Amino acid sequence: MADNEESKTSEYPEVASGPGNRLEIGDRLDPRDDRRPADPPQPVIIKQGGGAMRGLFWLVAAIGLVVALVLGAKTIGLFPGLKNPFAQEQTDRSGPALLKSVQDLNQFVAAEGNFQVIVDVQKDRKYIPDFLLNERILFVAAGSVEVYVDFSSIGQGAVKESEDRRSAEINLPAPQLRPVRIDNDHSYVYQEERGVFNRIGDAFSSDPNRLQEVYKLAEQKIGDAAKDAGLQKRAEDNTRKMLQQFLGALGYSSVTVNFPAG
């Protein structure tokens, strides 16, 4: 009887229920009861230095995406009323214009000539190759010249009228040429060549008046061309026609306009 109880106990150990019961070695454990010791806490690793860079990267990426969306919508015309927030702006900080003088003009512009000239200027040194020391510029200049008659210089006796007030004779001064006006919108540098030494000098100093000499030369050439273009003769004819029509409307049947002999 004792043998049976021992074998029974070794094969099927009895576990008493109730609070405070203790398990012995060899006892069968409930698989749901996990009494293994807990793993020790793992250390928390904090990485430094990467968060700020990632934040900056995402910020730049977000700004780039917004810019791309705005420019894309503007290009395809998705929002016609949308203004480009990144459009170029120009700020004018120039001061106000100052009135220096006032003149009353009694001049009749009788003719105008429009000219174009190509100025080819070269500066080099003798016995020195052009690729080392050379300055050459081709400048296409467009300008105009006006021809006027100054009525303010007419003195007493310049206008003679007949007794019946049907005819008149007027003596006028010779037409004059006004200074050449260069048209900057249609004038440009076509080609410019500079030697190595010239380019090195430009790197250390700049000459804002470098084209001033070219402009003056263009004005001189256009002025000479205006003198040979017959503008003064055309101005005389136009002035004569204007006065004849004007005085004819006032009742004069004969109007003679004289200019000094050329």
Protein backbone atom coordinates (compact mmCIF):
# COMPACT_ATOMS: atom_id res chain seq x y z
CA MET A 1 0.00 0.00 0.00
CA ALA A 2 2.89 2.25 0.78
CA ASP A 3 4.54 1.43 -2.54
CA ASN A 4 1.46 2.34 -4.42
CA GLU A 5 1.20 5.66 -2.64
CA GLU A 6 4.87 6.47 -3.33
CA SER A 7 4.67 5.70 -7.01
CA LYS A 8 1.47 7.64 -7.29
CA THR A 9 3.01 10.56 -5.61
CA SER A 10 6.12 10.57 -7.82
CA GLU A 11 4.14 10.22 -11.02
CA TYR A 12 1.28 12.51 -10.25
CA PRO A 13 2.30 14.99 -7.58
CA GLU A 14 -0.52 16.51 -5.75
CA VAL A 15 -0.76 20.21 -5.52
CA ALA A 16 -2.84 21.58 -2.74
CA SER A 17 -5.02 24.49 -3.60
CA GLY A 18 -5.46 27.54 -1.62
CA PRO A 19 -3.52 30.62 -0.68
CA GLY A 20 -0.04 30.19 0.69
CA ASN A 21 0.65 26.82 -0.97
CA ARG A 22 4.20 26.28 -2.11
CA LEU A 23 5.43 24.31 -5.13
CA GLU A 24 8.12 21.68 -4.72
CA ILE A 25 10.87 20.61 -7.14
CA GLY A 26 9.43 18.42 -9.82
CA ASP A 27 5.97 19.89 -9.59
CA ARG A 28 4.08 20.29 -12.84
CA LEU A 29 3.71 23.94 -13.73
CA ASP A 30 0.73 25.49 -15.34
CA PRO A 31 1.81 26.59 -18.85
CA ARG A 32 -0.09 29.80 -18.36
CA ASP A 33 1.94 30.58 -15.29
CA ASP A 34 5.21 32.14 -16.50
CA ARG A 35 7.47 32.65 -13.58
CA ARG A 36 10.66 33.28 -15.52
CA PRO A 37 12.54 36.31 -14.33
CA ALA A 38 11.92 39.50 -16.36
CA ASP A 39 14.60 40.73 -18.73
CA PRO A 40 16.71 43.53 -17.35
CA PRO A 41 15.70 47.02 -18.65
CA GLN A 42 17.44 47.99 -21.85
CA PRO A 43 19.30 51.31 -21.89
CA VAL A 44 17.69 54.10 -23.93
CA ILE A 45 20.05 55.31 -26.67
CA ILE A 46 19.62 58.97 -27.62
CA LYS A 47 21.13 60.01 -30.94
CA GLN A 48 22.38 63.55 -31.16
CA GLY A 49 23.12 65.79 -34.16
CA GLY A 50 20.72 64.28 -36.71
CA GLY A 51 17.42 65.81 -35.68
CA ALA A 52 18.29 69.38 -36.58
CA MET A 53 19.62 68.41 -40.01
CA ARG A 54 16.53 66.31 -40.77
CA GLY A 55 14.28 69.17 -39.71
CA LEU A 56 16.16 71.61 -41.94
CA PHE A 57 15.99 69.17 -44.85
CA TRP A 58 12.21 68.75 -44.56
CA LEU A 59 11.76 72.51 -44.22
CA VAL A 60 13.73 73.18 -47.43
CA ALA A 61 11.86 70.37 -49.19
CA ALA A 62 8.50 71.81 -48.15
CA ILE A 63 9.46 75.31 -49.35
CA GLY A 64 10.69 73.89 -52.66
CA LEU A 65 7.45 71.99 -53.13
CA VAL A 66 5.36 75.11 -52.50
CA VAL A 67 7.47 77.14 -54.96
CA ALA A 68 7.17 74.41 -57.60
CA LEU A 69 3.39 74.20 -57.17
CA VAL A 70 2.93 77.97 -57.38
CA LEU A 71 5.15 78.36 -60.45
CA GLY A 72 3.56 75.34 -62.13
CA ALA A 73 0.05 76.63 -61.58
CA LYS A 74 1.09 80.05 -62.88
CA THR A 75 2.71 78.54 -65.99
CA ILE A 76 -0.20 76.36 -67.05
CA GLY A 77 -2.72 79.11 -66.29
CA LEU A 78 -4.55 77.14 -63.63
CA PHE A 79 -5.15 80.29 -61.58
CA PRO A 80 -5.16 83.30 -63.95
CA GLY A 81 -5.64 85.77 -61.12
CA LEU A 82 -2.75 84.37 -59.09
CA LYS A 83 0.23 86.69 -58.92
CA ASN A 84 3.73 85.29 -58.77
CA PRO A 85 4.95 85.91 -55.18
CA PHE A 86 8.55 85.33 -56.33
CA ALA A 87 8.46 87.85 -59.19
CA GLN A 88 11.44 90.17 -59.55
CA GLU A 89 10.98 93.60 -58.07
CA GLN A 90 12.80 96.78 -58.98
CA THR A 91 13.27 99.59 -56.47
CA ASP A 92 13.95 103.11 -57.71
CA ARG A 93 15.76 105.17 -55.06
CA SER A 94 16.58 108.08 -57.36
CA GLY A 95 15.97 111.58 -56.11
CA PRO A 96 13.43 113.99 -57.61
CA ALA A 97 14.31 116.02 -60.69
CA LEU A 98 15.41 119.59 -60.07
CA LEU A 99 14.21 122.44 -62.26
CA LYS A 100 17.30 124.48 -63.12
CA SER A 101 15.97 126.88 -65.74
CA VAL A 102 12.95 127.74 -67.88
CA GLN A 103 13.19 129.07 -71.41
CA ASP A 104 10.48 130.27 -73.74
CA LEU A 105 11.05 128.72 -77.16
CA ASN A 106 10.01 130.50 -80.32
CA GLN A 107 11.34 127.90 -82.68
CA PHE A 108 9.68 126.06 -85.50
CA VAL A 109 11.00 122.53 -86.08
CA ALA A 110 10.92 122.35 -89.84
CA ALA A 111 12.65 119.02 -90.52
CA GLU A 112 14.15 116.01 -88.79
CA GLY A 113 16.61 113.41 -90.01
CA ASN A 114 17.08 109.90 -88.60
CA PHE A 115 20.49 108.28 -89.01
CA GLN A 116 22.34 105.10 -88.19
CA VAL A 117 26.10 104.69 -88.10
CA ILE A 118 28.51 101.88 -87.18
CA VAL A 119 31.41 103.10 -85.08
CA ASP A 120 34.50 100.87 -85.27
CA VAL A 121 37.20 101.98 -82.82
CA GLN A 122 40.40 100.06 -82.07
CA LYS A 123 43.24 100.86 -79.67
CA ASP A 124 46.37 98.73 -79.74
CA ARG A 125 50.14 99.01 -79.31
CA LYS A 126 52.71 98.72 -81.99
CA TYR A 127 54.76 95.48 -81.99
CA ILE A 128 52.44 93.95 -79.34
CA PRO A 129 50.08 91.16 -80.42
CA ASP A 130 46.42 91.98 -80.30
CA PHE A 131 45.58 89.03 -78.07
CA LEU A 132 47.77 90.57 -75.36
CA LEU A 133 46.91 94.25 -75.58
CA ASN A 134 43.99 95.34 -77.71
CA GLU A 135 40.74 97.25 -77.45
CA ARG A 136 38.24 97.15 -80.28
CA ILE A 137 34.54 97.90 -80.21
CA LEU A 138 31.85 97.91 -82.89
CA PHE A 139 28.99 100.15 -81.84
CA VAL A 140 25.76 100.53 -83.81
CA ALA A 141 24.41 104.01 -83.08
CA ALA A 142 20.98 105.32 -84.01
CA GLY A 143 20.23 109.02 -83.67
CA SER A 144 18.21 111.93 -84.96
CA VAL A 145 18.81 115.60 -85.75
CA GLU A 146 16.17 118.31 -85.81
CA VAL A 147 16.37 121.45 -87.94
CA TYR A 148 14.57 124.55 -86.65
CA VAL A 149 13.97 128.19 -87.53
CA ASP A 150 14.30 130.69 -84.68
CA PHE A 151 11.46 133.22 -84.90
CA SER A 152 12.60 135.05 -81.78
CA SER A 153 15.55 136.58 -83.68
CA ILE A 154 13.29 138.33 -86.18
CA GLY A 155 13.78 142.10 -85.78
CA GLN A 156 11.94 145.16 -86.97
CA GLY A 157 11.65 145.44 -90.71
CA ALA A 158 11.79 141.68 -91.20
CA VAL A 159 8.12 141.63 -92.19
CA LYS A 160 6.94 143.91 -94.98
CA GLU A 161 3.29 144.29 -95.85
CA SER A 162 1.74 145.88 -98.93
CA GLU A 163 -0.60 148.86 -98.64
CA ASP A 164 -3.61 146.81 -99.63
CA ARG A 165 -2.62 144.16 -97.11
CA ARG A 166 -2.86 141.48 -99.75
CA SER A 167 0.81 140.56 -99.92
CA ALA A 168 3.63 140.14 -97.43
CA GLU A 169 7.37 139.55 -97.51
CA ILE A 170 9.19 137.93 -94.57
CA ASN A 171 12.94 137.67 -94.05
CA LEU A 172 13.94 134.79 -91.75
CA PRO A 173 17.28 133.57 -90.36
CA ALA A 174 18.87 130.44 -91.72
CA PRO A 175 17.69 127.12 -90.26
CA GLN A 176 19.92 125.63 -87.60
CA LEU A 177 20.72 122.08 -86.56
CA ARG A 178 20.00 120.98 -83.04
CA PRO A 179 22.43 118.69 -81.19
CA VAL A 180 22.35 115.03 -82.10
CA ARG A 181 20.12 112.85 -79.98
CA ILE A 182 21.26 109.24 -79.62
CA ASP A 183 18.44 106.73 -79.43
CA ASN A 184 19.52 104.40 -76.62
CA ASP A 185 16.71 101.94 -77.33
CA HIS A 186 18.10 101.24 -80.81
CA SER A 187 21.84 101.67 -80.12
CA TYR A 188 23.93 98.73 -78.96
CA VAL A 189 27.42 97.22 -78.83
CA TYR A 190 27.62 94.73 -81.67
CA GLN A 191 31.04 93.29 -80.86
CA GLU A 192 33.86 93.96 -78.41
CA GLU A 193 37.39 92.55 -78.32
CA ARG A 194 39.82 92.98 -75.45
CA GLY A 195 43.31 91.59 -74.95
CA VAL A 196 44.51 89.55 -72.00
CA PHE A 197 46.12 92.52 -70.26
CA ASN A 198 43.01 94.61 -70.83
CA ARG A 199 40.83 91.97 -69.17
CA ILE A 200 43.22 91.73 -66.24
CA GLY A 201 43.03 95.49 -65.82
CA ASP A 202 39.23 95.33 -65.88
CA ALA A 203 39.32 92.85 -63.00
CA PHE A 204 41.07 95.41 -60.75
CA SER A 205 39.45 98.62 -61.97
CA SER A 206 36.31 99.59 -63.84
CA ASP A 207 35.70 102.53 -66.14
CA PRO A 208 32.02 103.52 -66.17
CA ASN A 209 32.73 106.13 -68.86
CA ARG A 210 34.41 103.66 -71.18
CA LEU A 211 31.66 104.04 -73.79
CA GLN A 212 31.49 107.82 -73.49
CA GLU A 213 34.14 108.28 -76.16
CA VAL A 214 32.25 105.97 -78.50
CA TYR A 215 29.02 107.92 -77.97
CA LYS A 216 30.74 111.21 -78.71
CA LEU A 217 32.25 109.81 -81.88
CA ALA A 218 28.82 108.54 -82.96
CA GLU A 219 27.29 111.99 -82.35
CA GLN A 220 30.02 113.61 -84.41
CA LYS A 221 29.51 111.25 -87.33
CA ILE A 222 25.73 111.68 -87.29
CA GLY A 223 26.08 115.46 -87.06
CA ASP A 224 28.38 115.51 -90.08
CA ALA A 225 25.95 113.32 -92.00
CA ALA A 226 23.08 115.68 -91.14
CA LYS A 227 24.95 118.65 -92.59
CA ASP A 228 25.44 116.83 -95.88
CA ALA A 229 21.91 115.44 -96.04
CA GLY A 230 20.25 118.67 -97.26
CA LEU A 231 18.13 119.06 -94.12
CA GLN A 232 18.53 122.84 -94.05
CA LYS A 233 17.14 123.20 -97.58
CA ARG A 234 14.20 120.99 -96.67
CA ALA A 235 13.64 123.09 -93.54
CA GLU A 236 13.47 126.24 -95.63
CA ASP A 237 10.88 124.71 -97.96
CA ASN A 238 8.75 123.44 -95.08
CA THR A 239 8.86 126.78 -93.28
CA ARG A 240 7.93 128.63 -96.43
CA LYS A 241 4.92 126.36 -97.01
CA MET A 242 3.77 126.70 -93.41
CA LEU A 243 3.82 130.52 -93.47
CA GLN A 244 2.12 130.72 -96.86
CA GLN A 245 -0.73 128.50 -95.67
CA PHE A 246 -1.05 130.36 -92.37
CA LEU A 247 -1.04 133.88 -93.84
CA GLY A 248 -3.16 132.75 -96.77
CA ALA A 249 -5.88 131.76 -94.30
CA LEU A 250 -5.73 135.35 -92.96
CA GLY A 251 -6.46 136.83 -96.39
CA TYR A 252 -3.00 137.31 -97.92
CA SER A 253 -2.88 136.25 -101.51
CA SER A 254 0.90 136.52 -101.91
CA VAL A 255 3.48 135.54 -99.27
CA THR A 256 7.20 135.64 -99.93
CA VAL A 257 9.62 134.06 -97.43
CA ASN A 258 13.33 134.79 -97.81
CA PHE A 259 16.33 133.07 -96.22
CA PRO A 260 19.96 134.13 -96.28
CA ALA A 261 21.88 132.90 -99.29
CA GLY A 262 23.72 129.69 -98.47
